[in-house]
Amino acid sequence: MLGTSLELQVLASSRADARRAVQAALAEIDRLERVFSRYDQESELNRWLNDARLEPSAELADLLRRAEAWRTFTGNAFHPGSEALTLLWRQAERDGRLPSESAVSRVLGHLHAPVWDERPGWRPEVPLNLNAFAKGFIVDRAAQVACDCGAAAVLVNLGGDLRHLGTTDVPVDVMNPFAPYDNAAPLVRVPLRQQGLATSGGAFRGFKVGPDQFSHLLDPRTGYPVDQVVGASVLAATCADADVLATAFSVFRPAESLALSAQLPGVSCLLVSQDGKVQRGPGFPNGLPL
């Protein structure tokens, strides 16, 4: 799903109810993937980007509208058009040299433009990849649909973006961004209840330009790879919000992220810096025994 793995856990009063809830959640994920996916050339998002005659559905327009609000709120730290920078740095890998300042400046000029406008026929200046927001939105919808179809509790994990609905805490591991393999001991185990959790980081993936290695996470404000935060985990009321903020908190300096999370109701964060320092925002759990 959306280029990553899906895990779905459901608690229900009977096996039949559990099966119905799972099937409903999977159907909703399939439906929304056909709306928002950039991996599917026939998705509504791709067709809308490629054909100025098409008007977006209310669902797509609403997510684009919300993405623009988050872009503005974070001062471009979250930007659905940052794929244009990724393409620039992939070319730098192939060329074996850093992208020129003029090339970076050209892309940044496009990224200052909005990603949504209410005018009919309007299109953004750069292609949009909504995965850093749509993935969390899909997780939220899948969890809600499962509960609407009879699940007493549900946990959805789509590539590390999680949403829990239920009355009992579920222990969830946050991966250590410096661990060399997936089944290494987690950085921390936290209780998740009626919340979303998302993690963003760049410890393992990146761009190799000549002899130098850079994070795959790019700062849409500067055009260059981030170099301070290697892991940002965010707890929020929804997975969609946690998804956006984990991306933004990977771009901000740690002090900025900690200050912002303290101002947002129901939001807390855990940050891991390049030097290995771990910082918790107000309200982030100290962790359960491993």
C-alpha atoms as a PDB file:
ATOM      1  CA  MET A   1       0.000   0.000   0.000  1.00  0.00           C
ATOM      2  CA  LEU A   2       1.495   3.360  -1.103  1.00  0.00           C
ATOM      3  CA  GLY A   3       4.808   1.613  -1.673  1.00  0.00           C
ATOM      4  CA  THR A   4       5.099   0.221   1.853  1.00  0.00           C
ATOM      5  CA  SER A   5       3.833  -2.571   4.111  1.00  0.00           C
ATOM      6  CA  LEU A   6       0.520  -2.742   5.964  1.00  0.00           C
ATOM      7  CA  GLU A   7      -0.255  -4.324   9.323  1.00  0.00           C
ATOM      8  CA  LEU A   8      -3.840  -4.383  10.595  1.00  0.00           C
ATOM      9  CA  GLN A   9      -4.875  -5.695  14.022  1.00  0.00           C
ATOM     10  CA  VAL A  10      -8.530  -5.906  15.022  1.00  0.00           C
ATOM     11  CA  LEU A  11     -10.263  -6.916  18.244  1.00  0.00           C
ATOM     12  CA  ALA A  12     -13.942  -7.884  17.945  1.00  0.00           C
ATOM     13  CA  SER A  13     -16.552  -9.963  19.754  1.00  0.00           C
ATOM     14  CA  SER A  14     -16.464 -12.715  17.131  1.00  0.00           C
ATOM     15  CA  ARG A  15     -14.274 -13.940  14.296  1.00  0.00           C
ATOM     16  CA  ALA A  16     -16.995 -12.980  11.816  1.00  0.00           C
ATOM     17  CA  ASP A  17     -17.126  -9.407  13.142  1.00  0.00           C
ATOM     18  CA  ALA A  18     -13.340  -9.196  13.036  1.00  0.00           C
ATOM     19  CA  ARG A  19     -13.293 -10.444   9.442  1.00  0.00           C
ATOM     20  CA  ARG A  20     -15.905  -7.872   8.385  1.00  0.00           C
ATOM     21  CA  ALA A  21     -13.966  -5.060  10.049  1.00  0.00           C
ATOM     22  CA  VAL A  22     -10.719  -6.120   8.375  1.00  0.00           C
ATOM     23  CA  GLN A  23     -12.312  -6.407   4.948  1.00  0.00           C
ATOM     24  CA  ALA A  24     -13.957  -2.996   5.316  1.00  0.00           C
ATOM     25  CA  ALA A  25     -10.660  -1.392   6.350  1.00  0.00           C
ATOM     26  CA  LEU A  26      -8.799  -3.004   3.425  1.00  0.00           C
ATOM     27  CA  ALA A  27     -11.484  -1.869   0.991  1.00  0.00           C
ATOM     28  CA  GLU A  28     -11.212   1.689   2.287  1.00  0.00           C
ATOM     29  CA  ILE A  29      -7.422   1.645   1.952  1.00  0.00           C
ATOM     30  CA  ASP A  30      -7.727   0.372  -1.636  1.00  0.00           C
ATOM     31  CA  ARG A  31     -10.261   3.081  -2.444  1.00  0.00           C
ATOM     32  CA  LEU A  32      -8.179   5.906  -1.005  1.00  0.00           C
ATOM     33  CA  GLU A  33      -4.999   4.630  -2.620  1.00  0.00           C
ATOM     34  CA  ARG A  34      -6.745   5.065  -5.963  1.00  0.00           C
ATOM     35  CA  VAL A  35      -7.376   8.691  -4.990  1.00  0.00           C
ATOM     36  CA  PHE A  36      -4.065   9.802  -3.476  1.00  0.00           C
ATOM     37  CA  SER A  37      -1.270   7.497  -4.620  1.00  0.00           C
ATOM     38  CA  ARG A  38       1.618   8.849  -6.692  1.00  0.00           C
ATOM     39  CA  TYR A  39       2.699   5.263  -7.394  1.00  0.00           C
ATOM     40  CA  ASP A  40      -0.503   4.578  -9.341  1.00  0.00           C
ATOM     41  CA  GLN A  41      -0.475   6.445 -12.655  1.00  0.00           C
ATOM     42  CA  GLU A  42      -4.271   6.159 -12.819  1.00  0.00           C
ATOM     43  CA  SER A  43      -4.897   7.586  -9.339  1.00  0.00           C
ATOM     44  CA  GLU A  44      -7.113  10.636  -9.161  1.00  0.00           C
ATOM     45  CA  LEU A  45      -4.202  12.775  -7.956  1.00  0.00           C
ATOM     46  CA  ASN A  46      -2.049  11.851 -10.961  1.00  0.00           C
ATOM     47  CA  ARG A  47      -4.889  12.297 -13.426  1.00  0.00           C
ATOM     48  CA  TRP A  48      -5.743  15.695 -11.890  1.00  0.00           C
ATOM     49  CA  LEU A  49      -2.115  16.848 -12.058  1.00  0.00           C
ATOM     50  CA  ASN A  50      -1.830  15.817 -15.702  1.00  0.00           C
ATOM     51  CA  ASP A  51      -5.154  17.129 -17.036  1.00  0.00           C
ATOM     52  CA  ALA A  52      -6.152  20.741 -16.356  1.00  0.00           C
ATOM     53  CA  ARG A  53      -9.696  19.987 -17.514  1.00  0.00           C
ATOM     54  CA  LEU A  54     -10.381  17.749 -14.522  1.00  0.00           C
ATOM     55  CA  GLU A  55     -11.846  19.074 -11.296  1.00  0.00           C
ATOM     56  CA  PRO A  56     -10.772  17.288  -8.103  1.00  0.00           C
ATOM     57  CA  SER A  57     -13.255  15.321  -6.035  1.00  0.00           C
ATOM     58  CA  ALA A  58     -14.301  16.853  -2.729  1.00  0.00           C
ATOM     59  CA  GLU A  59     -12.040  14.327  -0.959  1.00  0.00           C
ATOM     60  CA  LEU A  60      -8.942  15.235  -2.965  1.00  0.00           C
ATOM     61  CA  ALA A  61      -9.669  18.963  -2.782  1.00  0.00           C
ATOM     62  CA  ASP A  62     -10.071  18.775   0.992  1.00  0.00           C
ATOM     63  CA  LEU A  63      -6.732  17.023   1.482  1.00  0.00           C
ATOM     64  CA  LEU A  64      -4.984  19.493  -0.841  1.00  0.00           C
ATOM     65  CA  ARG A  65      -6.564  22.361   1.076  1.00  0.00           C
ATOM     66  CA  ARG A  66      -5.349  20.909   4.376  1.00  0.00           C
ATOM     67  CA  ALA A  67      -1.879  20.257   2.933  1.00  0.00           C
ATOM     68  CA  GLU A  68      -1.636  23.907   1.933  1.00  0.00           C
ATOM     69  CA  ALA A  69      -2.648  24.953   5.446  1.00  0.00           C
ATOM     70  CA  TRP A  70       0.123  22.792   6.922  1.00  0.00           C
ATOM     71  CA  ARG A  71       2.648  24.105   4.389  1.00  0.00           C
ATOM     72  CA  THR A  72       1.835  27.651   5.440  1.00  0.00           C
ATOM     73  CA  PHE A  73       1.768  26.822   9.151  1.00  0.00           C
ATOM     74  CA  THR A  74       5.205  25.155   9.060  1.00  0.00           C
ATOM     75  CA  GLY A  75       6.762  27.832   6.849  1.00  0.00           C
ATOM     76  CA  ASN A  76       7.468  25.268   4.075  1.00  0.00           C
ATOM     77  CA  ALA A  77       9.148  22.735   6.390  1.00  0.00           C
ATOM     78  CA  PHE A  78       6.347  20.411   5.275  1.00  0.00           C
ATOM     79  CA  HIS A  79       5.887  20.681   1.533  1.00  0.00           C
ATOM     80  CA  PRO A  80       4.060  18.212  -0.760  1.00  0.00           C
ATOM     81  CA  GLY A  81       6.081  19.523  -3.711  1.00  0.00           C
ATOM     82  CA  SER A  82       9.503  18.641  -2.307  1.00  0.00           C
ATOM     83  CA  GLU A  83       9.720  15.735  -4.756  1.00  0.00           C
ATOM     84  CA  ALA A  84      11.150  18.310  -7.181  1.00  0.00           C
ATOM     85  CA  LEU A  85      14.153  18.626  -4.869  1.00  0.00           C
ATOM     86  CA  THR A  86      14.469  14.844  -4.622  1.00  0.00           C
ATOM     87  CA  LEU A  87      14.727  14.618  -8.407  1.00  0.00           C
ATOM     88  CA  LEU A  88      17.442  17.289  -8.352  1.00  0.00           C
ATOM     89  CA  TRP A  89      19.521  15.375  -5.791  1.00  0.00           C
ATOM     90  CA  ARG A  90      19.059  12.070  -7.605  1.00  0.00           C
ATOM     91  CA  GLN A  91      20.532  13.748 -10.658  1.00  0.00           C
ATOM     92  CA  ALA A  92      23.388  14.982  -8.463  1.00  0.00           C
ATOM     93  CA  GLU A  93      24.058  11.356  -7.486  1.00  0.00           C
ATOM     94  CA  ARG A  94      24.245  10.356 -11.140  1.00  0.00           C
ATOM     95  CA  ASP A  95      26.477  13.327 -11.994  1.00  0.00           C
ATOM     96  CA  GLY A  96      28.738  12.815  -8.992  1.00  0.00           C
ATOM     97  CA  ARG A  97      28.595  16.474  -7.975  1.00  0.00           C
ATOM     98  CA  LEU A  98      26.362  18.682  -5.866  1.00  0.00           C
ATOM     99  CA  PRO A  99      23.503  20.468  -7.607  1.00  0.00           C
ATOM    100  CA  SER A 100      24.322  24.009  -8.629  1.00  0.00           C
ATOM    101  CA  GLU A 101      23.054  26.892  -6.545  1.00  0.00           C
ATOM    102  CA  SER A 102      21.118  28.172  -9.549  1.00  0.00           C
ATOM    103  CA  ALA A 103      19.345  24.833 -10.008  1.00  0.00           C
ATOM    104  CA  VAL A 104      18.405  24.732  -6.320  1.00  0.00           C
ATOM    105  CA  SER A 105      17.190  28.337  -6.471  1.00  0.00           C
ATOM    106  CA  ARG A 106      14.971  27.572  -9.461  1.00  0.00           C
ATOM    107  CA  VAL A 107      13.240  24.750  -7.615  1.00  0.00           C
ATOM    108  CA  LEU A 108      12.882  26.818  -4.441  1.00  0.00           C
ATOM    109  CA  GLY A 109      11.193  29.535  -6.485  1.00  0.00           C
ATOM    110  CA  HIS A 110       8.472  27.043  -7.407  1.00  0.00           C
ATOM    111  CA  LEU A 111       8.169  25.799  -3.822  1.00  0.00           C
ATOM    112  CA  HIS A 112       7.200  29.251  -2.582  1.00  0.00           C
ATOM    113  CA  ALA A 113       3.991  28.969  -4.592  1.00  0.00           C
ATOM    114  CA  PRO A 114       0.867  27.432  -2.996  1.00  0.00           C
ATOM    115  CA  VAL A 115      -0.008  23.763  -3.445  1.00  0.00           C
ATOM    116  CA  TRP A 116      -3.733  24.460  -3.626  1.00  0.00           C
ATOM    117  CA  ASP A 117      -5.915  27.184  -5.093  1.00  0.00           C
ATOM    118  CA  GLU A 118      -9.705  27.287  -5.344  1.00  0.00           C
ATOM    119  CA  ARG A 119      -9.710  28.608  -8.922  1.00  0.00           C
ATOM    120  CA  PRO A 120     -11.067  26.136 -11.515  1.00  0.00           C
ATOM    121  CA  GLY A 121      -8.339  24.715 -13.720  1.00  0.00           C
ATOM    122  CA  TRP A 122      -5.523  25.850 -11.411  1.00  0.00           C
ATOM    123  CA  ARG A 123      -2.509  23.544 -11.082  1.00  0.00           C
ATOM    124  CA  PRO A 124       0.562  23.692  -8.813  1.00  0.00           C
ATOM    125  CA  GLU A 125       3.936  24.716 -10.233  1.00  0.00           C
ATOM    126  CA  VAL A 126       5.507  21.378  -9.234  1.00  0.00           C
ATOM    127  CA  PRO A 127       4.082  17.842  -9.062  1.00  0.00           C
ATOM    128  CA  LEU A 128       2.710  16.972  -5.637  1.00  0.00           C
ATOM    129  CA  ASN A 129       3.400  13.877  -3.579  1.00  0.00           C
ATOM    130  CA  LEU A 130       0.897  13.695  -0.745  1.00  0.00           C
ATOM    131  CA  ASN A 131       2.310  10.527   0.815  1.00  0.00           C
ATOM    132  CA  ALA A 132       3.651  12.348   3.894  1.00  0.00           C
ATOM    133  CA  PHE A 133       0.085  13.413   4.647  1.00  0.00           C
ATOM    134  CA  ALA A 134      -2.231  11.091   2.712  1.00  0.00           C
ATOM    135  CA  LYS A 135      -0.657   8.001   4.278  1.00  0.00           C
ATOM    136  CA  GLY A 136      -1.645   9.196   7.747  1.00  0.00           C
ATOM    137  CA  PHE A 137      -5.090  10.212   6.506  1.00  0.00           C
ATOM    138  CA  ILE A 138      -5.624   6.737   5.011  1.00  0.00           C
ATOM    139  CA  VAL A 139      -4.527   5.113   8.275  1.00  0.00           C
ATOM    140  CA  ASP A 140      -7.050   7.230  10.200  1.00  0.00           C
ATOM    141  CA  ARG A 141      -9.852   6.357   7.787  1.00  0.00           C
ATOM    142  CA  ALA A 142      -9.043   2.630   7.842  1.00  0.00           C
ATOM    143  CA  ALA A 143      -9.097   2.562  11.633  1.00  0.00           C
ATOM    144  CA  GLN A 144     -12.403   4.420  11.790  1.00  0.00           C
ATOM    145  CA  VAL A 145     -14.062   2.237   9.149  1.00  0.00           C
ATOM    146  CA  ALA A 146     -12.987  -0.913  11.011  1.00  0.00           C
ATOM    147  CA  CYS A 147     -14.598   0.384  14.197  1.00  0.00           C
ATOM    148  CA  ASP A 148     -17.719   1.440  12.317  1.00  0.00           C
ATOM    149  CA  CYS A 149     -18.015  -2.148  11.078  1.00  0.00           C
ATOM    150  CA  GLY A 150     -17.931  -3.764  14.489  1.00  0.00           C
ATOM    151  CA  ALA A 151     -14.340  -3.726  15.759  1.00  0.00           C
ATOM    152  CA  ALA A 152     -13.993  -2.981  19.472  1.00  0.00           C
ATOM    153  CA  ALA A 153     -10.382  -1.902  18.974  1.00  0.00           C
ATOM    154  CA  VAL A 154      -8.062  -1.524  16.008  1.00  0.00           C
ATOM    155  CA  LEU A 155      -4.406  -0.781  15.310  1.00  0.00           C
ATOM    156  CA  VAL A 156      -3.348   0.165  11.780  1.00  0.00           C
ATOM    157  CA  ASN A 157       0.339   0.357  10.871  1.00  0.00           C
ATOM    158  CA  LEU A 158       1.122   1.555   7.353  1.00  0.00           C
ATOM    159  CA  GLY A 159       4.869   1.739   6.942  1.00  0.00           C
ATOM    160  CA  GLY A 160       5.403   3.025  10.472  1.00  0.00           C
ATOM    161  CA  ASP A 161       2.417   5.395  10.508  1.00  0.00           C
ATOM    162  CA  LEU A 162       0.034   4.144  13.184  1.00  0.00           C
ATOM    163  CA  ARG A 163      -3.464   4.844  14.467  1.00  0.00           C
ATOM    164  CA  HIS A 164      -5.114   3.178  17.426  1.00  0.00           C
ATOM    165  CA  LEU A 165      -8.789   3.238  18.380  1.00  0.00           C
ATOM    166  CA  GLY A 166      -9.885   1.500  21.559  1.00  0.00           C
ATOM    167  CA  THR A 167     -10.028   1.861  25.318  1.00  0.00           C
ATOM    168  CA  THR A 168      -6.864  -0.028  26.307  1.00  0.00           C
ATOM    169  CA  ASP A 169      -3.233   0.996  25.800  1.00  0.00           C
ATOM    170  CA  VAL A 170      -1.269  -0.845  23.114  1.00  0.00           C
ATOM    171  CA  PRO A 171       2.544  -0.968  23.493  1.00  0.00           C
ATOM    172  CA  VAL A 172       4.300   0.304  20.373  1.00  0.00           C
ATOM    173  CA  ASP A 173       8.041   0.274  19.694  1.00  0.00           C
ATOM    174  CA  VAL A 174       9.828   3.291  18.238  1.00  0.00           C
ATOM    175  CA  MET A 175      12.804   2.162  16.184  1.00  0.00           C
ATOM    176  CA  ASN A 176      16.292   3.370  17.043  1.00  0.00           C
ATOM    177  CA  PRO A 177      17.387   5.324  13.937  1.00  0.00           C
ATOM    178  CA  PHE A 178      20.980   4.194  14.500  1.00  0.00           C
ATOM    179  CA  ALA A 179      20.128   0.475  14.778  1.00  0.00           C
ATOM    180  CA  PRO A 180      21.729  -1.479  11.919  1.00  0.00           C
ATOM    181  CA  TYR A 181      18.785  -3.863  11.394  1.00  0.00           C
ATOM    182  CA  ASP A 182      14.989  -3.826  11.739  1.00  0.00           C
ATOM    183  CA  ASN A 183      14.712  -6.318  14.612  1.00  0.00           C
ATOM    184  CA  ALA A 184      17.205  -4.507  16.864  1.00  0.00           C
ATOM    185  CA  ALA A 185      16.081  -3.315  20.286  1.00  0.00           C
ATOM    186  CA  PRO A 186      13.776  -0.295  19.949  1.00  0.00           C
ATOM    187  CA  LEU A 187      14.704   3.157  21.098  1.00  0.00           C
ATOM    188  CA  VAL A 188      11.656   3.257  23.351  1.00  0.00           C
ATOM    189  CA  ARG A 189       8.338   1.453  23.845  1.00  0.00           C
ATOM    190  CA  VAL A 190       5.350   3.754  24.315  1.00  0.00           C
ATOM    191  CA  PRO A 191       1.690   3.191  25.209  1.00  0.00           C
ATOM    192  CA  LEU A 192      -0.649   4.182  22.370  1.00  0.00           C
ATOM    193  CA  ARG A 193      -4.330   4.810  23.010  1.00  0.00           C
ATOM    194  CA  GLN A 194      -6.764   6.685  20.779  1.00  0.00           C
ATOM    195  CA  GLN A 195      -3.838   8.417  19.070  1.00  0.00           C
ATOM    196  CA  GLY A 196      -1.758   8.527  15.939  1.00  0.00           C
ATOM    197  CA  LEU A 197       2.000   7.942  15.870  1.00  0.00           C
ATOM    198  CA  ALA A 198       4.343   8.660  12.978  1.00  0.00           C
ATOM    199  CA  THR A 199       8.118   8.567  12.653  1.00  0.00           C
ATOM    200  CA  SER A 200      10.332  10.202  10.057  1.00  0.00           C
ATOM    201  CA  GLY A 201      14.070   9.875   9.765  1.00  0.00           C
ATOM    202  CA  GLY A 202      17.038   9.652   7.468  1.00  0.00           C
ATOM    203  CA  ALA A 203      19.624   7.470   9.191  1.00  0.00           C
ATOM    204  CA  PHE A 204      19.760   4.711   6.556  1.00  0.00           C
ATOM    205  CA  ARG A 205      18.550   6.141   3.280  1.00  0.00           C
ATOM    206  CA  GLY A 206      20.242   9.010   1.556  1.00  0.00           C
ATOM    207  CA  PHE A 207      22.042  10.497  -1.405  1.00  0.00           C
ATOM    208  CA  LYS A 208      25.645   9.584  -2.174  1.00  0.00           C
ATOM    209  CA  VAL A 209      27.210  12.393  -4.173  1.00  0.00           C
ATOM    210  CA  GLY A 210      30.803  11.593  -4.983  1.00  0.00           C
ATOM    211  CA  PRO A 211      32.445  10.456  -1.727  1.00  0.00           C
ATOM    212  CA  ASP A 212      29.871  12.203   0.489  1.00  0.00           C
ATOM    213  CA  GLN A 213      26.666  10.777   1.992  1.00  0.00           C
ATOM    214  CA  PHE A 214      23.630  12.991   2.667  1.00  0.00           C
ATOM    215  CA  SER A 215      20.218  12.409   4.259  1.00  0.00           C
ATOM    216  CA  HIS A 216      17.357  11.638   1.879  1.00  0.00           C
ATOM    217  CA  LEU A 217      15.304  14.198   3.819  1.00  0.00           C
ATOM    218  CA  LEU A 218      15.522  17.585   2.145  1.00  0.00           C
ATOM    219  CA  ASP A 219      14.706  20.963   3.627  1.00  0.00           C
ATOM    220  CA  PRO A 220      12.166  22.624   1.296  1.00  0.00           C
ATOM    221  CA  ARG A 221      13.229  26.001   2.669  1.00  0.00           C
ATOM    222  CA  THR A 222      16.888  25.685   1.633  1.00  0.00           C
ATOM    223  CA  GLY A 223      16.912  22.889  -0.943  1.00  0.00           C
ATOM    224  CA  TYR A 224      19.638  20.966   0.887  1.00  0.00           C
ATOM    225  CA  PRO A 225      19.608  17.774   3.012  1.00  0.00           C
ATOM    226  CA  VAL A 226      18.811  18.084   6.700  1.00  0.00           C
ATOM    227  CA  ASP A 227      21.788  17.555   8.991  1.00  0.00           C
ATOM    228  CA  GLN A 228      20.565  17.790  12.585  1.00  0.00           C
ATOM    229  CA  VAL A 229      17.669  15.373  13.208  1.00  0.00           C
ATOM    230  CA  VAL A 230      17.900  11.708  12.160  1.00  0.00           C
ATOM    231  CA  GLY A 231      14.645  10.598  13.818  1.00  0.00           C
ATOM    232  CA  ALA A 232      11.431  12.415  14.713  1.00  0.00           C
ATOM    233  CA  SER A 233       8.490  10.563  16.279  1.00  0.00           C
ATOM    234  CA  VAL A 234       5.235  12.410  16.912  1.00  0.00           C
ATOM    235  CA  LEU A 235       2.153  11.503  18.920  1.00  0.00           C
ATOM    236  CA  ALA A 236      -0.991  13.383  17.934  1.00  0.00           C
ATOM    237  CA  ALA A 237      -4.762  13.016  17.964  1.00  0.00           C
ATOM    238  CA  THR A 238      -4.679  11.709  14.381  1.00  0.00           C
ATOM    239  CA  CYS A 239      -2.109   9.886  12.309  1.00  0.00           C
ATOM    240  CA  ALA A 240      -2.469  12.496   9.553  1.00  0.00           C
ATOM    241  CA  ASP A 241      -1.342  15.264  11.912  1.00  0.00           C
ATOM    242  CA  ALA A 242       1.438  13.094  13.338  1.00  0.00           C
ATOM    243  CA  ASP A 243       2.580  12.301   9.783  1.00  0.00           C
ATOM    244  CA  VAL A 244       2.876  15.960   8.779  1.00  0.00           C
ATOM    245  CA  LEU A 245       4.579  17.004  11.995  1.00  0.00           C
ATOM    246  CA  ALA A 246       7.100  14.140  11.930  1.00  0.00           C
ATOM    247  CA  THR A 247       8.154  15.383   8.500  1.00  0.00           C
ATOM    248  CA  ALA A 248       8.362  19.005   9.645  1.00  0.00           C
ATOM    249  CA  PHE A 249      10.189  18.102  12.870  1.00  0.00           C
ATOM    250  CA  SER A 250      12.833  16.308  10.798  1.00  0.00           C
ATOM    251  CA  VAL A 251      13.487  19.619   9.056  1.00  0.00           C
ATOM    252  CA  PHE A 252      13.297  22.053  11.984  1.00  0.00           C
ATOM    253  CA  ARG A 253      16.093  22.434  14.481  1.00  0.00           C
ATOM    254  CA  PRO A 254      15.268  20.381  17.617  1.00  0.00           C
ATOM    255  CA  ALA A 255      14.590  23.468  19.734  1.00  0.00           C
ATOM    256  CA  GLU A 256      12.047  24.699  17.172  1.00  0.00           C
ATOM    257  CA  SER A 257      10.236  21.366  17.117  1.00  0.00           C
ATOM    258  CA  LEU A 258      10.129  21.077  20.902  1.00  0.00           C
ATOM    259  CA  ALA A 259       8.736  24.599  21.217  1.00  0.00           C
ATOM    260  CA  LEU A 260       6.092  24.025  18.536  1.00  0.00           C
ATOM    261  CA  SER A 261       4.958  20.673  19.908  1.00  0.00           C
ATOM    262  CA  ALA A 262       4.455  22.302  23.318  1.00  0.00           C
ATOM    263  CA  GLN A 263       2.050  24.793  21.719  1.00  0.00           C
ATOM    264  CA  LEU A 264      -0.079  22.246  19.851  1.00  0.00           C
ATOM    265  CA  PRO A 265      -2.828  20.519  21.886  1.00  0.00           C
ATOM    266  CA  GLY A 266      -2.406  16.764  22.088  1.00  0.00           C
ATOM    267  CA  VAL A 267       0.969  16.772  20.325  1.00  0.00           C
ATOM    268  CA  SER A 268       4.244  15.473  21.738  1.00  0.00           C
ATOM    269  CA  CYS A 269       7.479  14.404  20.109  1.00  0.00           C
ATOM    270  CA  LEU A 270      10.678  12.412  20.511  1.00  0.00           C
ATOM    271  CA  LEU A 271      13.727  13.674  18.599  1.00  0.00           C
ATOM    272  CA  VAL A 272      17.041  11.963  17.904  1.00  0.00           C
ATOM    273  CA  SER A 273      19.871  14.233  16.779  1.00  0.00           C
ATOM    274  CA  GLN A 274      22.785  13.383  14.519  1.00  0.00           C
ATOM    275  CA  ASP A 275      25.061  13.245  17.572  1.00  0.00           C
ATOM    276  CA  GLY A 276      22.806  10.630  19.229  1.00  0.00           C
ATOM    277  CA  LYS A 277      21.132  12.994  21.684  1.00  0.00           C
ATOM    278  CA  VAL A 278      17.517  12.064  22.486  1.00  0.00           C
ATOM    279  CA  GLN A 279      15.063  14.809  23.457  1.00  0.00           C
ATOM    280  CA  ARG A 280      11.446  14.409  24.559  1.00  0.00           C
ATOM    281  CA  GLY A 281       8.848  17.103  24.171  1.00  0.00           C
ATOM    282  CA  PRO A 282       6.322  17.776  26.937  1.00  0.00           C
ATOM    283  CA  GLY A 283       3.909  14.876  27.261  1.00  0.00           C
ATOM    284  CA  PHE A 284       5.907  12.269  25.362  1.00  0.00           C
ATOM    285  CA  PRO A 285       5.936   9.050  27.472  1.00  0.00           C
ATOM    286  CA  ASN A 286       9.130   8.039  29.196  1.00  0.00           C
ATOM    287  CA  GLY A 287       8.599   4.531  27.883  1.00  0.00           C
ATOM    288  CA  LEU A 288       7.472   1.097  28.974  1.00  0.00           C
ATOM    289  CA  PRO A 289       9.822  -1.728  30.055  1.00  0.00           C
ATOM    290  CA  LEU A 290      11.276  -3.551  27.047  1.00  0.00           C
END
